[in-house]
Amino acid sequence: MAEESASAAEQAAAIAAGSLRSVDLVKRFLDRIAAGDEAVQAWAHLDPDYALRQAQQRDDQRGSGLPLGPLHGVPVGLKDIVDTADMPTENGTPLDAGRQPRQDATLVSRLRAAGAVILGKTVSTELAFYAPGKTRNPHDPERTPGGSSSGSAAAVAAGQVPLAVGTQTNGSVIRPASFCGVVGYKPSHGLVSRHGLLSQSPPLDTVGAFARTVEDAALIVDAMAGHDPADGATRPMARPCLLQTARAAPPVKPSFALVKGPTWDAADADTKDGLAELRDFLGEDCDEVTLPSAFERAHDLQRLLMVAGFAKNLAPYYEKGRDRLSDVMRAAIEEGRTVLAVDYALAEEWIDVLNAGLAEIFERYDAILTPAAVGEAPQGLSATGDPTFCTLWTLCGTPAITLPLLQGAAGLPIGVQIVGARGDDARLLRSARWLAEALAVEDG
């Protein structure tokens, strides 16, 4: 197998063993970008010479006998709302054209400490909301890749980078991963620091990752996770050891709850049929579970927290250049300005209420199965698709991962979203890997 087609974990192991040089690996990915990115347009900033210089430094470090990190020499793409001291960060808006941060975001510092090569910055929608960027779906250039982490999902799907970082405030990791046919992992809220990232709505904003396997997603989030005093959502705790647990055999066969959720009717026939087949495959290890009526409020609560956050955190963009913002961005900020403080406080309190309801499910089941998106990536490039099947889980801050298990009528991928209890990311990843392997054996 070609090194660039191997998993990120395999690439890191080969570099550590001396059978692969980071320079050679990075060059192969850069060649893929040069050959195919005119159609995909996943990158907002790419400096091939600088990427190769980083790789050479990694090779020199290995040659010196110094300790190696778990991502040593492996290239990573960063959504262009993540600050980097050595590359521009333009947040998907002309209002930040040429913006050069003075320091790395915390997660970037941790990726560098783990040995990663920061390949470049991937395209974000405008201020990580709904107005699309230039990126197209690698499976069909006339379809959206999803958003707002569009470039990160598309770059991994196109084989241009093995790992990429994204963020989610509504559906911005899970949805594009589903549309592009890759693994998308949104950790528990607060597992990865957001210091040095564009802030939209702190109760919701979550760092996530794109990869080709569950283990690779665990690998990169392991490197980024941990307490950061600069982000109050993180807390002092032992490192989660996600990769180790994801690779482990479950102590017992996982059980799943099929949750259709309050917006089930929005799912298309391919999605509904695919989940029904998955439930049949799992048999007695999967039950359909109905959420209490309180969960019907989730979409309104998430919207309130999100737009109020926009009004506060994106105010400088509105004040200095509202005429340069899209209509949808401007309208969301203006909507946020009408939110009352008491309603915002009550909405935050509902997060714990809903998680208490989910706790009853997770006492019986290892994970929840639910759609990742309405269906295949829709035709057209003027919008990024419906995030409705991500909203509840983002509001609750639960970990979620989507696997490209289904296929629609047009032959495009559809993801199955697997959700775990808040803070129990390792168990979720172990269950997701078990499911992916069980289905691979069945297909084989």
Protein backbone atom coordinates (compact mmCIF):
# COMPACT_ATOMS: atom_id res chain seq x y z
CA MET A 1 0.00 0.00 0.00
CA ALA A 2 1.30 3.47 -0.86
CA GLU A 3 2.36 5.41 2.22
CA GLU A 4 0.02 8.30 1.48
CA SER A 5 -2.92 5.85 1.36
CA ALA A 6 -2.03 4.32 4.71
CA SER A 7 -3.71 5.49 7.87
CA ALA A 8 -2.19 8.38 9.78
CA ALA A 9 -1.29 5.99 12.59
CA GLU A 10 0.54 3.77 10.10
CA GLN A 11 2.33 6.77 8.61
CA ALA A 12 3.49 7.94 12.03
CA ALA A 13 4.72 4.43 12.86
CA ALA A 14 6.63 4.18 9.57
CA ILE A 15 8.32 7.54 10.15
CA ALA A 16 9.24 6.56 13.70
CA ALA A 17 10.69 3.27 12.43
CA GLY A 18 12.75 5.04 9.77
CA SER A 19 11.06 3.31 6.82
CA LEU A 20 9.42 6.54 5.67
CA ARG A 21 10.64 10.12 5.64
CA SER A 22 8.26 12.94 6.48
CA VAL A 23 9.62 14.92 3.51
CA ASP A 24 8.62 12.13 1.12
CA LEU A 25 5.17 11.76 2.68
CA VAL A 26 4.44 15.50 2.65
CA LYS A 27 5.65 15.78 -0.95
CA ARG A 28 3.24 13.07 -2.04
CA PHE A 29 0.32 14.90 -0.47
CA LEU A 30 1.44 18.18 -2.03
CA ASP A 31 1.57 16.44 -5.41
CA ARG A 32 -2.00 15.25 -4.91
CA ILE A 33 -3.10 18.77 -4.09
CA ALA A 34 -1.35 20.17 -7.15
CA ALA A 35 -3.01 17.55 -9.35
CA GLY A 36 -6.54 17.74 -7.97
CA ASP A 37 -7.30 20.87 -5.97
CA GLU A 38 -8.38 22.95 -8.94
CA ALA A 39 -11.59 20.90 -8.88
CA VAL A 40 -11.96 20.65 -5.07
CA GLN A 41 -10.52 24.00 -3.90
CA ALA A 42 -10.11 22.87 -0.31
CA TRP A 43 -7.22 25.14 0.70
CA ALA A 44 -7.30 28.75 1.85
CA HIS A 45 -3.53 28.95 2.39
CA LEU A 46 -0.84 26.56 1.21
CA ASP A 47 2.92 27.15 1.05
CA PRO A 48 4.50 23.94 -0.29
CA ASP A 49 8.07 25.06 0.40
CA TYR A 50 7.28 25.87 4.00
CA ALA A 51 5.45 22.55 4.48
CA LEU A 52 8.52 20.71 3.19
CA ARG A 53 10.80 22.70 5.49
CA GLN A 54 8.69 21.62 8.46
CA ALA A 55 8.91 18.02 7.27
CA GLN A 56 12.68 18.26 6.95
CA GLN A 57 12.87 19.53 10.51
CA ARG A 58 10.88 16.48 11.62
CA ASP A 59 13.25 14.17 9.77
CA ASP A 60 16.26 15.92 11.27
CA GLN A 61 14.73 15.56 14.72
CA ARG A 62 14.27 11.83 14.25
CA GLY A 63 17.83 11.51 13.01
CA SER A 64 19.12 13.22 16.12
CA GLY A 65 17.58 10.60 18.38
CA LEU A 66 15.30 13.08 20.17
CA PRO A 67 11.94 11.80 21.44
CA LEU A 68 9.14 11.63 18.86
CA GLY A 69 5.50 12.57 19.33
CA PRO A 70 2.54 10.43 18.24
CA LEU A 71 2.01 12.49 15.05
CA HIS A 72 5.68 12.92 14.19
CA GLY A 73 6.07 13.93 10.55
CA VAL A 74 2.38 13.47 9.68
CA PRO A 75 0.69 16.38 7.82
CA VAL A 76 -2.44 18.00 9.24
CA GLY A 77 -4.80 20.59 7.73
CA LEU A 78 -6.32 23.34 9.89
CA LYS A 79 -9.63 25.08 9.34
CA ASP A 80 -8.96 28.72 8.59
CA ILE A 81 -10.43 29.97 11.86
CA VAL A 82 -7.57 28.44 13.87
CA ASP A 83 -4.80 30.92 14.65
CA THR A 84 -1.29 30.11 13.43
CA ALA A 85 1.71 32.33 14.08
CA ASP A 86 3.36 31.29 10.82
CA MET A 87 0.39 31.36 8.43
CA PRO A 88 -2.51 33.75 7.79
CA THR A 89 -5.86 33.10 9.48
CA GLU A 90 -8.63 34.86 7.58
CA ASN A 91 -11.81 33.33 9.08
CA GLY A 92 -13.50 32.94 5.72
CA THR A 93 -14.19 36.65 5.33
CA PRO A 94 -12.62 39.46 3.28
CA LEU A 95 -12.76 41.56 6.45
CA ASP A 96 -9.81 39.48 7.72
CA ALA A 97 -7.88 39.30 4.47
CA GLY A 98 -4.16 39.11 5.25
CA ARG A 99 -4.73 38.72 8.99
CA GLN A 100 -1.59 37.28 10.62
CA PRO A 101 -1.92 36.14 14.25
CA ARG A 102 1.01 36.63 16.61
CA GLN A 103 0.73 33.24 18.30
CA ASP A 104 -0.58 29.76 17.73
CA ALA A 105 -3.89 28.55 19.05
CA THR A 106 -3.46 26.11 21.92
CA LEU A 107 -4.42 23.15 19.77
CA VAL A 108 -1.80 24.14 17.17
CA SER A 109 0.90 24.24 19.84
CA ARG A 110 -0.16 20.78 20.96
CA LEU A 111 -0.16 19.40 17.41
CA ARG A 112 3.34 20.77 16.85
CA ALA A 113 4.46 19.24 20.16
CA ALA A 114 3.06 15.91 18.94
CA GLY A 115 5.26 16.25 15.85
CA ALA A 116 2.63 17.14 13.26
CA VAL A 117 3.49 19.07 10.10
CA ILE A 118 0.94 21.88 9.63
CA LEU A 119 0.34 21.47 5.91
CA GLY A 120 -1.86 24.54 5.46
CA LYS A 121 -5.18 26.20 6.18
CA THR A 122 -8.42 24.74 4.82
CA VAL A 123 -11.39 26.75 3.61
CA SER A 124 -14.05 27.82 6.10
CA THR A 125 -17.42 29.27 5.26
CA GLU A 126 -17.82 32.95 6.14
CA LEU A 127 -17.08 33.31 9.87
CA ALA A 128 -17.81 29.58 10.16
CA PHE A 129 -21.53 30.02 9.48
CA TYR A 130 -23.69 29.26 6.44
CA ALA A 131 -22.40 31.38 3.53
CA PRO A 132 -20.33 28.93 1.44
CA GLY A 133 -16.67 29.27 0.52
CA LYS A 134 -15.10 28.08 -2.71
CA THR A 135 -14.78 24.37 -1.81
CA ARG A 136 -16.62 21.69 -3.78
CA ASN A 137 -17.54 18.13 -2.94
CA PRO A 138 -14.82 15.72 -4.16
CA HIS A 139 -17.48 13.17 -5.17
CA ASP A 140 -19.38 15.64 -7.36
CA PRO A 141 -18.13 19.21 -7.94
CA GLU A 142 -21.71 20.40 -8.47
CA ARG A 143 -22.65 19.47 -4.90
CA THR A 144 -21.81 21.13 -1.60
CA PRO A 145 -19.15 19.62 0.65
CA GLY A 146 -21.15 20.88 3.63
CA GLY A 147 -19.98 23.47 6.09
CA SER A 148 -18.61 25.23 7.84
CA SER A 149 -15.53 22.98 7.94
CA SER A 150 -15.87 22.44 4.21
CA GLY A 151 -12.20 22.52 3.25
CA SER A 152 -11.12 20.14 6.02
CA ALA A 153 -13.71 17.50 5.08
CA ALA A 154 -13.06 17.82 1.35
CA ALA A 155 -9.26 17.71 1.71
CA VAL A 156 -9.38 14.44 3.66
CA ALA A 157 -11.97 12.97 1.29
CA ALA A 158 -9.84 13.89 -1.74
CA GLY A 159 -6.77 12.22 -0.23
CA GLN A 160 -4.93 15.53 0.04
CA VAL A 161 -4.14 15.21 3.75
CA PRO A 162 -4.65 12.34 6.21
CA LEU A 163 -5.99 14.45 9.07
CA ALA A 164 -7.70 17.82 9.39
CA VAL A 165 -9.15 19.97 12.15
CA GLY A 166 -12.61 21.51 12.05
CA THR A 167 -15.09 23.07 14.45
CA GLN A 168 -18.80 22.64 15.16
CA THR A 169 -21.31 25.08 16.61
CA ASN A 170 -24.29 23.38 14.98
CA GLY A 171 -23.35 20.74 12.41
CA SER A 172 -20.03 21.86 10.99
CA VAL A 173 -18.01 18.66 11.51
CA ILE A 174 -20.57 15.87 11.30
CA ARG A 175 -22.49 17.18 8.26
CA PRO A 176 -19.52 17.82 5.92
CA ALA A 177 -17.96 14.51 6.97
CA SER A 178 -21.20 12.78 6.00
CA PHE A 179 -21.44 14.62 2.67
CA CYS A 180 -17.78 13.93 1.80
CA GLY A 181 -17.70 10.32 2.98
CA VAL A 182 -15.08 10.51 5.73
CA VAL A 183 -14.98 9.99 9.48
CA GLY A 184 -15.91 13.13 11.38
CA TYR A 185 -15.50 13.26 15.15
CA LYS A 186 -16.94 16.00 17.39
CA PRO A 187 -15.56 15.42 20.90
CA SER A 188 -17.36 16.29 24.09
CA HIS A 189 -17.68 20.02 24.59
CA GLY A 190 -14.62 21.23 26.47
CA LEU A 191 -12.33 18.31 25.66
CA VAL A 192 -10.20 20.40 23.26
CA SER A 193 -9.27 24.02 23.94
CA ARG A 194 -10.73 26.73 21.70
CA HIS A 195 -8.19 29.35 22.74
CA GLY A 196 -6.97 31.05 19.58
CA LEU A 197 -10.01 30.16 17.48
CA LEU A 198 -12.79 32.36 16.15
CA SER A 199 -15.44 32.42 18.87
CA GLN A 200 -19.08 32.14 17.89
CA SER A 201 -21.01 30.75 20.86
CA PRO A 202 -18.95 29.42 23.79
CA PRO A 203 -21.65 27.06 25.14
CA LEU A 204 -21.68 25.36 21.74
CA ASP A 205 -18.31 25.84 20.01
CA THR A 206 -16.43 22.53 19.79
CA VAL A 207 -13.19 21.50 18.06
CA GLY A 208 -13.43 18.37 15.92
CA ALA A 209 -11.43 16.29 13.48
CA PHE A 210 -11.66 14.59 10.08
CA ALA A 211 -9.93 11.34 9.25
CA ARG A 212 -10.32 8.14 7.27
CA THR A 213 -10.60 5.82 10.26
CA VAL A 214 -11.93 5.95 13.81
CA GLU A 215 -8.43 5.26 15.13
CA ASP A 216 -6.97 8.21 13.23
CA ALA A 217 -9.66 10.50 14.60
CA ALA A 218 -8.79 9.31 18.10
CA LEU A 219 -5.07 9.82 17.39
CA ILE A 220 -5.36 13.52 16.51
CA VAL A 221 -7.86 14.40 19.23
CA ASP A 222 -5.65 12.65 21.79
CA ALA A 223 -2.90 15.06 20.74
CA MET A 224 -5.13 18.14 21.08
CA ALA A 225 -7.12 17.28 24.21
CA GLY A 226 -6.49 18.52 27.71
CA HIS A 227 -6.99 21.33 30.16
CA ASP A 228 -6.13 24.87 29.09
CA PRO A 229 -6.48 27.71 31.63
CA ALA A 230 -7.23 30.03 28.71
CA ASP A 231 -10.46 28.12 27.93
CA GLY A 232 -12.86 27.89 30.84
CA ALA A 233 -14.81 25.06 29.21
CA THR A 234 -11.85 22.73 29.71
CA ARG A 235 -11.09 21.33 33.14
CA PRO A 236 -8.17 19.67 34.89
CA MET A 237 -8.35 15.95 34.21
CA ALA A 238 -6.22 13.00 33.18
CA ARG A 239 -5.64 12.63 29.46
CA PRO A 240 -8.43 10.53 27.92
CA CYS A 241 -6.24 7.88 26.12
CA LEU A 242 -8.72 7.83 23.25
CA LEU A 243 -6.58 5.87 20.80
CA GLN A 244 -5.73 3.16 23.30
CA THR A 245 -9.39 2.63 24.18
CA ALA A 246 -10.59 2.88 20.56
CA ARG A 247 -8.23 0.05 19.64
CA ALA A 248 -9.33 -2.15 22.52
CA ALA A 249 -11.93 -4.88 22.23
CA PRO A 250 -15.17 -3.98 24.04
CA PRO A 251 -15.59 -5.95 27.29
CA VAL A 252 -19.03 -6.96 26.05
CA LYS A 253 -20.77 -6.61 22.70
CA PRO A 254 -21.92 -2.98 22.40
CA SER A 255 -25.62 -2.19 22.47
CA PHE A 256 -27.15 0.70 20.53
CA ALA A 257 -30.24 2.87 20.80
CA LEU A 258 -31.70 3.97 17.48
CA VAL A 259 -32.92 7.51 18.12
CA LYS A 260 -34.84 9.17 15.32
CA GLY A 261 -35.11 12.50 17.10
CA PRO A 262 -37.56 15.39 16.74
CA THR A 263 -36.64 16.06 13.08
CA TRP A 264 -36.82 12.49 11.77
CA ASP A 265 -39.31 13.44 9.06
CA ALA A 266 -36.63 15.60 7.41
CA ALA A 267 -34.53 12.52 6.58
CA ASP A 268 -34.80 11.25 3.03
CA ALA A 269 -35.78 7.70 2.12
CA ASP A 270 -32.20 6.50 1.63
CA THR A 271 -31.25 7.59 5.12
CA LYS A 272 -34.31 6.05 6.73
CA ASP A 273 -33.92 2.78 4.84
CA GLY A 274 -30.20 2.61 5.62
CA LEU A 275 -30.75 3.02 9.35
CA ALA A 276 -33.51 0.40 9.24
CA GLU A 277 -31.06 -2.03 7.61
CA LEU A 278 -28.46 -1.20 10.23
CA ARG A 279 -30.94 -1.89 12.99
CA ASP A 280 -31.79 -5.25 11.40
CA PHE A 281 -28.08 -6.10 11.18
CA LEU A 282 -27.60 -5.39 14.89
CA GLY A 283 -30.70 -7.34 15.84
CA GLU A 284 -31.22 -7.68 19.57
CA ASP A 285 -28.28 -5.33 20.19
CA CYS A 286 -30.25 -2.33 18.91
CA ASP A 287 -33.57 -0.95 20.15
CA GLU A 288 -35.52 2.03 18.92
CA VAL A 289 -35.75 4.62 21.70
CA THR A 290 -38.01 7.67 21.71
CA LEU A 291 -36.75 10.85 23.34
CA PRO A 292 -39.01 12.64 25.86
CA SER A 293 -41.01 15.60 24.56
CA ALA A 294 -38.62 18.06 26.26
CA PHE A 295 -36.10 17.37 23.50
CA GLU A 296 -38.40 19.04 20.99
CA ARG A 297 -37.15 22.36 22.41
CA ALA A 298 -33.55 21.63 21.50
CA HIS A 299 -33.46 23.33 18.12
CA ASP A 300 -34.93 26.57 19.44
CA LEU A 301 -32.54 26.56 22.39
CA GLN A 302 -29.50 25.95 20.20
CA ARG A 303 -30.53 28.71 17.81
CA LEU A 304 -30.98 31.18 20.66
CA LEU A 305 -27.54 30.44 22.13
CA MET A 306 -25.91 30.52 18.72
CA VAL A 307 -27.27 33.83 17.43
CA ALA A 308 -26.81 35.55 20.78
CA GLY A 309 -23.19 34.42 20.66
CA PHE A 310 -22.87 35.84 17.16
CA ALA A 311 -24.23 39.18 18.32
CA LYS A 312 -21.58 39.42 21.03
CA ASN A 313 -18.53 37.75 19.50
CA LEU A 314 -18.92 38.83 15.89
CA ALA A 315 -19.93 42.39 16.72
CA PRO A 316 -16.61 43.86 15.48
CA TYR A 317 -17.24 42.47 12.00
CA TYR A 318 -20.76 43.85 11.98
CA GLU A 319 -19.65 47.27 13.18
CA LYS A 320 -16.74 47.75 10.82
CA GLY A 321 -18.06 46.06 7.70
CA ARG A 322 -21.66 44.91 7.80
CA ASP A 323 -21.96 45.65 4.08
CA ARG A 324 -19.20 43.08 3.45
CA LEU A 325 -21.09 40.35 5.33
CA SER A 326 -23.50 37.96 3.64
CA ASP A 327 -27.22 38.52 4.13
CA VAL A 328 -27.50 35.34 6.19
CA MET A 329 -24.63 36.33 8.50
CA ARG A 330 -25.90 39.86 8.98
CA ALA A 331 -29.43 38.62 9.71
CA ALA A 332 -28.20 36.11 12.31
CA ILE A 333 -26.22 38.79 14.16
CA GLU A 334 -29.22 41.11 14.14
CA GLU A 335 -31.44 38.29 15.40
CA GLY A 336 -28.97 37.70 18.22
CA ARG A 337 -29.23 41.31 19.32
CA THR A 338 -32.89 40.75 20.21
CA VAL A 339 -32.22 37.88 22.64
CA LEU A 340 -32.99 38.70 26.28
CA ALA A 341 -30.42 37.88 28.95
CA VAL A 342 -32.95 35.87 30.95
CA ASP A 343 -33.78 33.71 27.93
CA TYR A 344 -30.09 33.10 27.30
CA ALA A 345 -29.52 32.02 30.90
CA LEU A 346 -32.50 29.68 30.81
CA ALA A 347 -31.31 28.16 27.54
CA GLU A 348 -27.93 27.38 29.10
CA GLU A 349 -29.65 25.68 32.04
CA TRP A 350 -31.53 23.40 29.65
CA ILE A 351 -28.24 21.81 28.55
CA ASP A 352 -27.93 20.00 31.89
CA VAL A 353 -31.64 19.10 31.88
CA LEU A 354 -31.39 17.42 28.49
CA ASN A 355 -28.19 15.61 29.42
CA ALA A 356 -29.94 14.21 32.48
CA GLY A 357 -32.54 12.76 30.12
CA LEU A 358 -29.84 11.25 27.92
CA ALA A 359 -28.13 9.72 30.95
CA GLU A 360 -31.03 7.30 31.30
CA ILE A 361 -30.38 6.05 27.77
CA PHE A 362 -26.65 5.68 28.30
CA GLU A 363 -27.21 3.67 31.47
CA ARG A 364 -28.64 0.95 29.23
CA TYR A 365 -26.93 1.49 25.87
CA ASP A 366 -23.32 2.10 24.86
CA ALA A 367 -24.22 4.61 22.14
CA ILE A 368 -27.00 6.18 20.14
CA LEU A 369 -27.44 5.67 16.39
CA THR A 370 -29.03 8.54 14.47
CA PRO A 371 -28.67 10.23 11.06
CA ALA A 372 -25.63 12.42 10.44
CA ALA A 373 -27.41 14.40 7.74
CA VAL A 374 -30.70 14.48 5.89
CA GLY A 375 -29.19 12.45 3.04
CA GLU A 376 -26.60 12.82 0.33
CA ALA A 377 -24.93 16.16 -0.29
CA PRO A 378 -27.53 18.27 -2.10
CA GLN A 379 -27.06 19.67 -5.56
CA GLY A 380 -25.80 23.22 -5.85
CA LEU A 381 -23.13 25.36 -4.23
CA SER A 382 -25.22 28.23 -2.84
CA ALA A 383 -25.83 26.55 0.53
CA THR A 384 -24.12 23.99 2.76
CA GLY A 385 -27.02 21.65 3.58
CA ASP A 386 -29.28 21.09 6.56
CA PRO A 387 -27.56 20.54 9.97
CA THR A 388 -30.78 19.48 11.70
CA PHE A 389 -29.53 16.05 12.80
CA CYS A 390 -26.51 17.58 14.54
CA THR A 391 -28.24 20.36 16.47
CA LEU A 392 -29.38 18.40 19.53
CA TRP A 393 -26.01 16.76 20.13
CA THR A 394 -24.12 20.02 19.76
CA LEU A 395 -26.44 21.68 22.26
CA CYS A 396 -25.93 18.85 24.75
CA GLY A 397 -22.16 18.82 24.22
CA THR A 398 -22.13 15.05 23.74
CA PRO A 399 -19.40 13.37 21.71
CA ALA A 400 -20.47 12.28 18.23
CA ILE A 401 -18.79 10.55 15.33
CA THR A 402 -20.07 9.87 11.83
CA LEU A 403 -19.03 6.87 9.77
CA PRO A 404 -19.55 6.67 5.97
CA LEU A 405 -21.68 3.53 6.16
CA LEU A 406 -24.58 4.31 3.79
CA GLN A 407 -25.00 5.29 0.17
CA GLY A 408 -27.74 7.29 -1.51
CA ALA A 409 -29.53 6.88 -4.82
CA ALA A 410 -26.92 9.00 -6.64
CA GLY A 411 -24.10 6.83 -5.31
CA LEU A 412 -22.88 9.45 -2.84
CA PRO A 413 -22.03 8.71 0.80
CA ILE A 414 -24.38 9.15 3.74
CA GLY A 415 -23.03 9.05 7.26
CA VAL A 416 -24.41 7.30 10.31
CA GLN A 417 -23.95 9.39 13.44
CA ILE A 418 -23.01 7.60 16.65
CA VAL A 419 -23.44 9.57 19.88
CA GLY A 420 -22.05 8.89 23.34
CA ALA A 421 -22.57 10.24 26.83
CA ARG A 422 -20.96 13.60 27.52
CA GLY A 423 -17.41 13.06 28.70
CA ASP A 424 -17.38 9.39 27.67
CA ASP A 425 -15.56 9.84 24.37
CA ALA A 426 -13.35 6.77 24.68
CA ARG A 427 -16.31 4.43 25.06
CA LEU A 428 -17.99 6.05 22.05
CA LEU A 429 -14.91 5.59 19.86
CA ARG A 430 -14.54 1.95 20.93
CA SER A 431 -18.18 1.28 20.04
CA ALA A 432 -17.83 3.09 16.71
CA ARG A 433 -14.72 1.12 15.75
CA TRP A 434 -16.46 -2.12 16.71
CA LEU A 435 -19.43 -1.24 14.51
CA ALA A 436 -17.25 -0.29 11.54
CA GLU A 437 -15.31 -3.54 11.80
CA ALA A 438 -18.45 -5.65 12.23
CA LEU A 439 -19.97 -4.17 9.08
CA ALA A 440 -16.70 -4.60 7.17
CA VAL A 441 -16.70 -8.31 8.03
CA GLU A 442 -20.34 -8.57 6.92
CA ASP A 443 -19.58 -6.84 3.61
CA GLY A 444 -16.47 -8.95 3.11
